[in-house]
Amino acid sequence: MLPILFWCGYTSLGRGLVHVLASGVFFSGFVKDMLCLPRPLSPPLKRITMSSSASLEYGFPSTHSTNAVSVAVYAVFLLDSPDLTITSQFKTFLKILAYCYATSIIIGRLYCGMHGFFDVVIGSFLGALISVIQCTYGDSFDDFLFENTFKVPFIAILLILVLVRIHPEPADDCPCFDDSVAFAGVMIGVELGNWHFARTRFAMSQPVPATVPFQLEKMGWLKASARIFVGVFTIFAWRELMKPTLLKFLPPVFRLRDLLRHYTKIPKNLKTDNVIPAISEIPSLLTSFRHPRKTRSVSVGPQSAADAYEVLAYRDRKRRESNSSAAAMPSMSEEGSNDNAYAGKSTSNDYGQRPRMTGLPTPAPSDADLYNDVFSSEAFIDAPMTPSTSPSVTSTPTRRPSDDQRQFEKEIFSKLEKPRVRYDVEVITKLIVYTG
């Protein structure tokens, strides 16, 4: 949608949205990859998402909340502009719509189990801060960019490249870094493209420099639709052509400079583009829009290594709490066993002595069953190293949970996607493709 704003003459709106959205994705991803904080613990939460890559991201801060609040604040700022000629009632309606949009995104991230309260609060604060900076200094930056020589866009591009260079690389297979690089390329393309277009004879200087001439009354719907169709086709054609070309020719160039001796070629069909999908992915993308319930996934359990380590830490904490509770009440256990023996009740573990139902099929355990079994209170209490010598307590063999715990850890990490190597050629290719 962002390129369409430029093609239809809304250059100022397009630049503002690119600045707030690209900054939100980049800086929220920067913090995510720097802190590596996981999403809320699952189980007990069940995560609902439409994107498989979103569950691999870290949790803090919420990028969705950052972008939603930044767009809402920027929209309210534009609605308060004195140049906007609409009725006050309609302006109030649009403001309420912007507030509802941001609120629904924030509450939705909490409801879907993708973020905690602190994640969305800090993400919202980051989004509001980005919009305030854009609303305060955006026009001054645009004037400074268009009124000077290539030195200004060159400094802006150099600053963006420095930010990409110092961006923390994720410890897990988190797509935040790929999204940040993609939007950094978009920012470079907007600054360089608008600066160059403003100096051509095709651009208009009003209402802002680099405005594309567009009058629907003179062009008609047919020409306007054709412009949008050709523009969208050009974007997808550029991506499909340049990405494989760069991944083919850049590695030999880097090897000649002795920069990338540790590999010989780039793997094909890398799933690193979450911003602009490939042409082959468009049918499945349209299907997800028509049937959202079919593409929605509900996951239980960790999706990243950060989630897995949090699950293991939670398990260890529960085990320590259970062991300390059991050690604090030995006398109560002895009294209970004496009472049970006097009343003729069994003193053995009822759980282990339950009769089994025969003739019924045993369902395969799900991920939720596996995690609940390990998180149950019985699984956290370690068995004593020597049997009890007290005559009032019937000693029963208790299975130590160490084998189950090791199997549980192996089961968790076997289902995670392994972190992959991110080549420098990939980063350069992504920057060139999204800059174009």
Protein backbone atom coordinates (compact mmCIF):
# COMPACT_ATOMS: atom_id res chain seq x y z
CA MET A 1 0.00 0.00 0.00
CA LEU A 2 2.85 2.43 0.67
CA PRO A 3 4.02 2.77 -2.99
CA ILE A 4 0.44 3.48 -4.09
CA LEU A 5 0.43 6.64 -1.98
CA PHE A 6 3.42 7.97 -3.95
CA TRP A 7 1.94 6.99 -7.32
CA CYS A 8 -1.32 8.77 -6.49
CA GLY A 9 0.32 12.06 -5.49
CA TYR A 10 0.33 11.68 -1.68
CA THR A 11 4.09 12.03 -1.29
CA SER A 12 4.02 13.72 2.12
CA LEU A 13 1.69 11.06 3.59
CA GLY A 14 3.73 8.28 2.03
CA ARG A 15 7.01 9.59 3.37
CA GLY A 16 5.56 10.05 6.85
CA LEU A 17 4.17 6.51 6.99
CA VAL A 18 7.42 5.04 5.67
CA HIS A 19 9.37 6.90 8.34
CA VAL A 20 7.18 5.78 11.26
CA LEU A 21 6.65 2.20 10.08
CA ALA A 22 10.24 1.56 9.03
CA SER A 23 11.58 3.11 12.23
CA GLY A 24 9.12 1.08 14.32
CA VAL A 25 10.10 -2.22 12.72
CA PHE A 26 13.81 -1.44 12.84
CA PHE A 27 14.14 -0.17 16.40
CA SER A 28 11.72 -2.69 17.94
CA GLY A 29 13.64 -5.44 16.16
CA PHE A 30 16.89 -3.89 17.38
CA VAL A 31 15.72 -4.14 21.00
CA LYS A 32 14.31 -7.64 20.47
CA ASP A 33 17.56 -9.06 19.11
CA MET A 34 19.61 -7.22 21.75
CA LEU A 35 17.65 -8.46 24.79
CA CYS A 36 16.37 -11.82 23.41
CA LEU A 37 13.41 -11.89 25.82
CA PRO A 38 10.92 -14.70 25.10
CA ARG A 39 7.20 -14.52 24.55
CA PRO A 40 4.77 -15.42 27.38
CA LEU A 41 5.18 -18.93 28.74
CA SER A 42 3.34 -21.64 26.79
CA PRO A 43 1.74 -23.64 28.33
CA PRO A 44 -0.41 -22.46 30.03
CA LEU A 45 -0.98 -19.95 27.20
CA LYS A 46 -1.98 -21.03 23.71
CA ARG A 47 -0.56 -18.77 21.02
CA ILE A 48 -2.76 -17.84 18.09
CA THR A 49 -1.05 -16.46 15.00
CA MET A 50 -1.56 -16.16 11.25
CA SER A 51 2.16 -16.25 10.49
CA SER A 52 4.55 -19.07 11.31
CA SER A 53 7.50 -16.65 11.33
CA ALA A 54 5.89 -14.38 13.94
CA SER A 55 6.05 -17.12 16.59
CA LEU A 56 9.83 -17.32 16.12
CA GLU A 57 10.37 -13.70 17.13
CA TYR A 58 11.29 -12.58 20.60
CA GLY A 59 8.60 -11.02 22.74
CA PHE A 60 9.91 -7.67 23.98
CA PRO A 61 8.86 -5.16 22.76
CA SER A 62 5.76 -5.74 20.65
CA THR A 63 6.35 -4.61 17.06
CA HIS A 64 2.62 -4.77 16.30
CA SER A 65 1.89 -2.39 19.18
CA THR A 66 4.72 -0.11 18.07
CA ASN A 67 3.39 0.19 14.52
CA ALA A 68 -0.26 0.45 15.54
CA VAL A 69 0.34 3.26 18.01
CA SER A 70 2.72 5.09 15.67
CA VAL A 71 0.17 5.04 12.85
CA ALA A 72 -2.64 6.10 15.17
CA VAL A 73 -0.68 9.01 16.66
CA TYR A 74 0.49 10.12 13.21
CA ALA A 75 -3.12 9.94 11.91
CA VAL A 76 -4.41 12.06 14.80
CA PHE A 77 -1.67 14.61 14.10
CA LEU A 78 -2.70 14.84 10.44
CA LEU A 79 -6.37 15.18 11.39
CA ASP A 80 -5.52 18.19 13.56
CA SER A 81 -3.77 19.90 10.64
CA PRO A 82 -5.37 23.25 9.70
CA ASP A 83 -4.99 22.38 6.01
CA LEU A 84 -7.48 19.52 6.34
CA THR A 85 -10.92 20.65 5.15
CA ILE A 86 -13.41 18.20 6.67
CA THR A 87 -16.22 18.63 9.15
CA SER A 88 -15.47 18.42 12.85
CA GLN A 89 -17.90 15.51 13.26
CA PHE A 90 -16.13 13.45 10.58
CA LYS A 91 -12.76 14.40 12.05
CA THR A 92 -13.88 13.16 15.47
CA PHE A 93 -15.11 9.93 13.90
CA LEU A 94 -11.74 9.34 12.23
CA LYS A 95 -9.90 9.99 15.49
CA ILE A 96 -12.08 7.46 17.31
CA LEU A 97 -11.39 5.02 14.49
CA ALA A 98 -7.63 5.51 14.92
CA TYR A 99 -7.88 4.97 18.68
CA CYS A 100 -9.96 1.82 18.20
CA TYR A 101 -7.45 0.51 15.65
CA ALA A 102 -4.50 0.88 18.01
CA THR A 103 -6.44 -0.49 20.99
CA SER A 104 -7.66 -3.53 19.08
CA ILE A 105 -4.12 -4.42 17.98
CA ILE A 106 -2.75 -4.10 21.52
CA ILE A 107 -5.55 -6.13 23.12
CA GLY A 108 -5.34 -8.66 20.28
CA ARG A 109 -1.66 -9.33 20.97
CA LEU A 110 -2.48 -9.99 24.61
CA TYR A 111 -5.50 -12.15 23.79
CA CYS A 112 -3.56 -14.25 21.27
CA GLY A 113 -0.88 -14.97 23.86
CA MET A 114 1.86 -13.45 21.73
CA HIS A 115 2.91 -10.72 24.19
CA GLY A 116 2.74 -9.82 27.83
CA PHE A 117 1.52 -6.56 29.33
CA PHE A 118 5.02 -5.08 29.60
CA ASP A 119 5.73 -5.93 25.94
CA VAL A 120 2.78 -3.97 24.58
CA VAL A 121 3.24 -1.04 26.97
CA ILE A 122 6.87 -0.45 25.98
CA GLY A 123 6.04 -1.14 22.32
CA SER A 124 3.26 1.45 22.45
CA PHE A 125 5.56 3.98 24.09
CA LEU A 126 8.18 3.40 21.37
CA GLY A 127 5.57 3.86 18.64
CA ALA A 128 4.27 7.08 20.18
CA LEU A 129 7.82 8.42 20.52
CA ILE A 130 8.60 7.69 16.87
CA SER A 131 5.44 9.47 15.71
CA VAL A 132 6.10 12.49 17.90
CA ILE A 133 9.58 12.83 16.38
CA GLN A 134 8.16 12.50 12.86
CA CYS A 135 5.39 15.02 13.53
CA THR A 136 7.84 17.49 15.08
CA TYR A 137 10.83 17.25 12.76
CA GLY A 138 9.52 15.45 9.67
CA ASP A 139 8.77 18.54 7.59
CA SER A 140 12.07 20.17 8.52
CA PHE A 141 13.97 17.07 7.45
CA ASP A 142 12.10 16.93 4.13
CA ASP A 143 12.89 20.57 3.39
CA PHE A 144 16.53 20.03 4.30
CA LEU A 145 16.68 16.96 2.05
CA PHE A 146 15.10 18.48 -1.05
CA GLU A 147 16.87 21.85 -0.86
CA ASN A 148 20.42 20.48 -0.76
CA THR A 149 22.77 18.50 -2.93
CA PHE A 150 23.43 14.77 -2.88
CA LYS A 151 25.45 15.26 0.28
CA VAL A 152 22.32 15.13 2.48
CA PRO A 153 20.84 11.86 1.15
CA PHE A 154 24.34 10.38 1.15
CA ILE A 155 24.70 11.13 4.88
CA ALA A 156 21.22 9.73 5.55
CA ILE A 157 22.06 6.53 3.64
CA LEU A 158 25.38 6.22 5.45
CA LEU A 159 23.64 6.58 8.82
CA ILE A 160 21.11 3.85 7.92
CA LEU A 161 23.92 1.52 6.84
CA VAL A 162 25.73 2.12 10.13
CA LEU A 163 22.55 1.21 12.03
CA VAL A 164 22.25 -2.00 10.00
CA ARG A 165 25.88 -2.80 10.73
CA ILE A 166 25.49 -2.41 14.51
CA HIS A 167 22.11 -4.19 14.60
CA PRO A 168 22.43 -7.16 16.99
CA GLU A 169 22.32 -10.51 15.23
CA PRO A 170 19.73 -12.84 16.80
CA ALA A 171 20.90 -15.86 18.77
CA ASP A 172 17.92 -17.88 17.47
CA ASP A 173 16.15 -18.15 14.14
CA CYS A 174 14.38 -14.84 14.75
CA PRO A 175 13.18 -12.99 11.61
CA CYS A 176 13.45 -9.56 13.25
CA PHE A 177 16.87 -8.93 11.73
CA ASP A 178 15.62 -9.74 8.21
CA ASP A 179 12.63 -7.41 8.63
CA SER A 180 14.86 -4.63 9.96
CA VAL A 181 17.22 -4.92 6.99
CA ALA A 182 14.28 -4.91 4.57
CA PHE A 183 12.77 -1.74 6.02
CA ALA A 184 16.21 -0.12 6.16
CA GLY A 185 16.38 -0.71 2.42
CA VAL A 186 12.92 0.80 1.99
CA MET A 187 14.03 3.89 3.90
CA ILE A 188 17.13 4.23 1.71
CA GLY A 189 15.03 3.88 -1.43
CA VAL A 190 12.53 6.53 -0.32
CA GLU A 191 15.17 9.10 0.58
CA LEU A 192 17.27 8.54 -2.54
CA GLY A 193 14.32 8.10 -4.89
CA ASN A 194 12.41 11.19 -3.73
CA TRP A 195 15.55 13.35 -3.81
CA HIS A 196 16.30 12.27 -7.39
CA PHE A 197 12.69 12.50 -8.61
CA ALA A 198 12.31 16.02 -7.19
CA ARG A 199 15.03 17.17 -9.61
CA THR A 200 13.38 15.79 -12.74
CA ARG A 201 10.94 17.61 -14.98
CA PHE A 202 8.18 15.09 -14.16
CA ALA A 203 7.87 16.04 -10.47
CA MET A 204 5.63 18.69 -8.99
CA SER A 205 6.82 21.00 -6.23
CA GLN A 206 3.37 21.42 -4.68
CA PRO A 207 2.13 20.55 -2.14
CA VAL A 208 5.60 19.10 -1.41
CA PRO A 209 8.61 18.43 -3.64
CA ALA A 210 8.80 15.07 -5.47
CA THR A 211 5.00 14.89 -5.84
CA VAL A 212 3.81 12.64 -8.65
CA PRO A 213 1.22 14.40 -10.89
CA PHE A 214 -2.15 12.76 -10.28
CA GLN A 215 -5.66 14.04 -11.02
CA LEU A 216 -8.31 11.36 -11.08
CA GLU A 217 -10.78 13.60 -12.92
CA LYS A 218 -8.40 14.06 -15.87
CA MET A 219 -6.82 10.59 -15.87
CA GLY A 220 -9.94 8.51 -15.30
CA TRP A 221 -10.20 5.23 -13.45
CA LEU A 222 -8.73 3.22 -16.32
CA LYS A 223 -5.41 5.09 -16.46
CA ALA A 224 -5.20 5.31 -12.67
CA SER A 225 -5.74 1.55 -12.33
CA ALA A 226 -3.20 0.90 -15.09
CA ARG A 227 -0.61 3.01 -13.27
CA ILE A 228 -1.10 1.03 -10.06
CA PHE A 229 -1.05 -2.30 -11.92
CA VAL A 230 2.18 -1.45 -13.76
CA GLY A 231 3.77 -0.23 -10.53
CA VAL A 232 2.89 -3.38 -8.57
CA PHE A 233 4.05 -5.57 -11.47
CA THR A 234 7.35 -3.67 -11.60
CA ILE A 235 7.94 -4.20 -7.87
CA PHE A 236 7.42 -7.97 -8.08
CA ALA A 237 9.43 -8.22 -11.32
CA TRP A 238 12.32 -6.31 -9.72
CA ARG A 239 12.32 -8.63 -6.73
CA GLU A 240 12.10 -11.83 -8.77
CA LEU A 241 14.88 -10.71 -11.10
CA MET A 242 17.35 -8.98 -8.79
CA LYS A 243 17.38 -11.38 -5.84
CA PRO A 244 18.58 -14.50 -7.70
CA THR A 245 20.88 -12.40 -9.88
CA LEU A 246 22.62 -10.80 -6.91
CA LEU A 247 22.86 -14.08 -5.02
CA LYS A 248 24.54 -15.57 -8.08
CA PHE A 249 27.06 -12.87 -8.92
CA LEU A 250 27.90 -11.30 -5.56
CA PRO A 251 29.56 -14.35 -3.88
CA PRO A 252 32.36 -14.60 -6.52
CA VAL A 253 32.97 -10.86 -6.16
CA PHE A 254 33.30 -11.19 -2.40
CA ARG A 255 35.56 -14.23 -2.71
CA LEU A 256 37.85 -12.28 -5.03
CA ARG A 257 38.21 -9.71 -2.27
CA ASP A 258 38.96 -12.51 0.18
CA LEU A 259 36.04 -11.55 2.40
CA LEU A 260 33.94 -14.69 2.32
CA ARG A 261 36.26 -17.67 2.13
CA HIS A 262 34.22 -19.72 4.62
CA TYR A 263 31.52 -20.66 2.09
CA THR A 264 31.32 -21.34 -1.63
CA LYS A 265 27.71 -20.63 -2.50
CA ILE A 266 24.46 -19.26 -1.08
CA PRO A 267 21.63 -21.75 -0.50
CA LYS A 268 18.71 -21.29 -2.87
CA ASN A 269 15.11 -20.46 -1.94
CA LEU A 270 15.94 -18.77 1.34
CA LYS A 271 12.76 -17.92 3.26
CA THR A 272 13.95 -14.52 4.42
CA ASP A 273 11.44 -12.13 2.80
CA ASN A 274 8.51 -11.38 5.09
CA VAL A 275 7.73 -7.95 3.60
CA ILE A 276 7.27 -8.60 -0.13
CA PRO A 277 6.22 -12.19 -0.88
CA ALA A 278 7.46 -14.11 -3.91
CA ILE A 279 5.14 -14.50 -6.90
CA SER A 280 4.79 -18.22 -6.14
CA GLU A 281 3.49 -17.35 -2.65
CA ILE A 282 0.69 -15.05 -3.84
CA PRO A 283 -1.98 -17.80 -4.32
CA SER A 284 -1.50 -19.11 -0.77
CA LEU A 285 -1.51 -15.52 0.51
CA LEU A 286 -4.85 -14.82 -1.18
CA THR A 287 -6.23 -18.06 0.24
CA SER A 288 -5.27 -16.95 3.73
CA PHE A 289 -7.21 -13.71 3.19
CA ARG A 290 -10.32 -15.55 1.99
CA HIS A 291 -10.19 -18.25 4.65
CA PRO A 292 -8.42 -16.82 7.70
CA ARG A 293 -9.54 -19.62 10.02
CA LYS A 294 -7.86 -22.26 7.86
CA THR A 295 -4.48 -20.53 7.98
CA ARG A 296 -4.69 -19.59 11.65
CA SER A 297 -2.47 -21.75 13.84
CA VAL A 298 -2.77 -22.41 17.56
CA SER A 299 0.52 -23.50 19.11
CA VAL A 300 1.27 -24.90 22.55
CA GLY A 301 4.82 -25.04 23.76
CA PRO A 302 8.02 -23.19 22.91
CA GLN A 303 8.71 -22.10 19.33
CA SER A 304 12.19 -20.66 19.87
CA ALA A 305 15.22 -21.48 21.96
CA ALA A 306 14.41 -18.52 24.22
CA ASP A 307 10.98 -20.06 24.87
CA ALA A 308 12.57 -23.44 25.58
CA TYR A 309 15.01 -22.05 28.11
CA GLU A 310 12.17 -20.21 29.83
CA VAL A 311 10.15 -23.44 30.04
CA LEU A 312 13.12 -25.27 31.56
CA ALA A 313 13.74 -22.46 34.06
CA TYR A 314 10.06 -22.52 35.03
CA ARG A 315 10.23 -26.29 35.48
CA ASP A 316 13.30 -26.03 37.73
CA ARG A 317 11.65 -23.35 39.84
CA LYS A 318 8.52 -25.46 40.31
CA ARG A 319 10.66 -28.45 41.28
CA ARG A 320 12.50 -26.45 43.93
CA GLU A 321 9.22 -25.12 45.34
CA SER A 322 7.73 -28.61 45.48
CA ASN A 323 10.82 -30.10 47.16
CA SER A 324 10.93 -27.35 49.76
CA SER A 325 7.21 -27.79 50.51
CA ALA A 326 7.62 -31.55 50.91
CA ALA A 327 10.64 -31.15 53.21
CA ALA A 328 8.85 -28.58 55.39
CA MET A 329 6.02 -30.93 56.38
CA PRO A 330 7.53 -34.35 57.27
CA SER A 331 5.50 -34.69 60.45
CA MET A 332 2.23 -34.11 58.67
CA SER A 333 3.10 -36.86 56.20
CA GLU A 334 3.83 -39.31 59.02
CA GLU A 335 0.57 -38.48 60.85
CA GLY A 336 -1.40 -38.89 57.64
CA SER A 337 0.13 -42.27 56.95
CA ASN A 338 -0.65 -43.51 60.50
CA ASP A 339 -4.25 -42.37 60.22
CA ASN A 340 -4.64 -44.08 56.89
CA ALA A 341 -3.18 -47.32 58.25
CA TYR A 342 -5.49 -47.24 61.26
CA ALA A 343 -8.53 -46.65 59.07
CA GLY A 344 -7.60 -49.52 56.78
CA LYS A 345 -6.72 -47.25 53.84
CA SER A 346 -3.92 -47.98 51.45
CA THR A 347 -0.72 -46.08 52.11
CA SER A 348 0.72 -46.64 48.66
CA ASN A 349 0.67 -44.11 45.87
CA ASP A 350 -2.87 -44.07 44.56
CA TYR A 351 -1.66 -42.72 41.24
CA GLY A 352 0.57 -45.73 40.69
CA GLN A 353 -2.08 -48.25 41.88
CA ARG A 354 -4.99 -47.10 39.77
CA PRO A 355 -6.50 -49.93 37.77
CA ARG A 356 -5.98 -49.65 34.06
CA MET A 357 -8.88 -49.88 31.66
CA THR A 358 -8.30 -52.62 29.14
CA GLY A 359 -9.70 -52.92 25.68
CA LEU A 360 -9.65 -49.17 25.04
CA PRO A 361 -7.27 -47.49 22.59
CA THR A 362 -4.68 -45.21 24.14
CA PRO A 363 -4.64 -41.78 22.46
CA ALA A 364 -1.29 -40.37 21.38
CA PRO A 365 -0.08 -37.72 23.81
CA SER A 366 -0.21 -34.17 22.52
CA ASP A 367 2.30 -31.43 23.17
CA ALA A 368 0.03 -29.99 25.84
CA ASP A 369 -0.18 -33.39 27.57
CA LEU A 370 3.60 -33.71 27.48
CA TYR A 371 4.15 -30.28 29.06
CA ASN A 372 1.38 -30.76 31.63
CA ASP A 373 2.84 -34.10 32.71
CA VAL A 374 6.25 -32.58 33.25
CA PHE A 375 4.80 -29.50 34.98
CA SER A 376 2.57 -31.55 37.31
CA SER A 377 3.38 -31.42 41.00
CA GLU A 378 4.31 -35.11 41.17
CA ALA A 379 6.93 -34.73 38.48
CA PHE A 380 8.82 -32.07 40.42
CA ILE A 381 9.31 -33.99 43.70
CA ASP A 382 12.59 -35.89 43.64
CA ALA A 383 12.64 -39.35 45.18
CA PRO A 384 14.88 -39.88 48.23
CA MET A 385 18.25 -41.48 47.65
CA THR A 386 17.60 -44.14 50.39
CA PRO A 387 14.28 -45.73 51.38
CA SER A 388 12.58 -44.47 54.53
CA THR A 389 13.42 -46.32 57.76
CA SER A 390 10.33 -45.15 59.63
CA PRO A 391 8.12 -48.13 60.59
CA SER A 392 4.95 -46.08 60.20
CA VAL A 393 5.51 -45.31 56.54
CA THR A 394 5.20 -47.94 53.89
CA SER A 395 8.12 -47.46 51.51
CA THR A 396 7.18 -47.60 47.86
CA PRO A 397 9.56 -47.29 44.95
CA THR A 398 9.29 -43.85 43.36
CA ARG A 399 10.52 -43.29 39.86
CA ARG A 400 13.10 -40.50 39.64
CA PRO A 401 12.13 -37.86 37.07
CA SER A 402 15.66 -37.34 35.73
CA ASP A 403 15.14 -39.60 32.71
CA ASP A 404 11.82 -37.97 31.91
CA GLN A 405 13.34 -34.53 32.29
CA ARG A 406 16.19 -35.31 29.92
CA GLN A 407 13.72 -36.75 27.44
CA PHE A 408 11.56 -33.67 27.83
CA GLU A 409 14.50 -31.34 27.12
CA LYS A 410 15.45 -33.40 24.08
CA GLU A 411 11.85 -33.33 22.88
CA ILE A 412 11.65 -29.54 23.23
CA PHE A 413 14.83 -28.69 21.35
CA SER A 414 14.22 -31.27 18.63
CA LYS A 415 11.08 -29.38 17.53
CA LEU A 416 12.78 -26.00 17.27
CA GLU A 417 14.14 -24.51 14.08
CA LYS A 418 17.90 -24.39 14.20
CA PRO A 419 19.57 -20.95 13.83
CA ARG A 420 20.90 -20.53 10.33
CA VAL A 421 23.93 -18.71 8.99
CA ARG A 422 23.22 -15.20 7.76
CA TYR A 423 25.66 -14.34 4.99
CA ASP A 424 26.82 -10.81 4.31
CA VAL A 425 25.77 -11.30 0.71
CA GLU A 426 22.19 -11.88 1.91
CA VAL A 427 22.16 -8.58 3.78
CA ILE A 428 23.54 -6.65 0.80
CA THR A 429 21.08 -8.37 -1.55
CA LYS A 430 18.15 -7.51 0.69
CA LEU A 431 19.25 -3.88 0.96
CA ILE A 432 19.58 -3.52 -2.83
CA VAL A 433 16.28 -5.27 -3.57
CA TYR A 434 14.22 -3.23 -1.10
CA THR A 435 16.00 -0.02 -1.98
CA GLY A 436 14.89 -0.53 -5.58
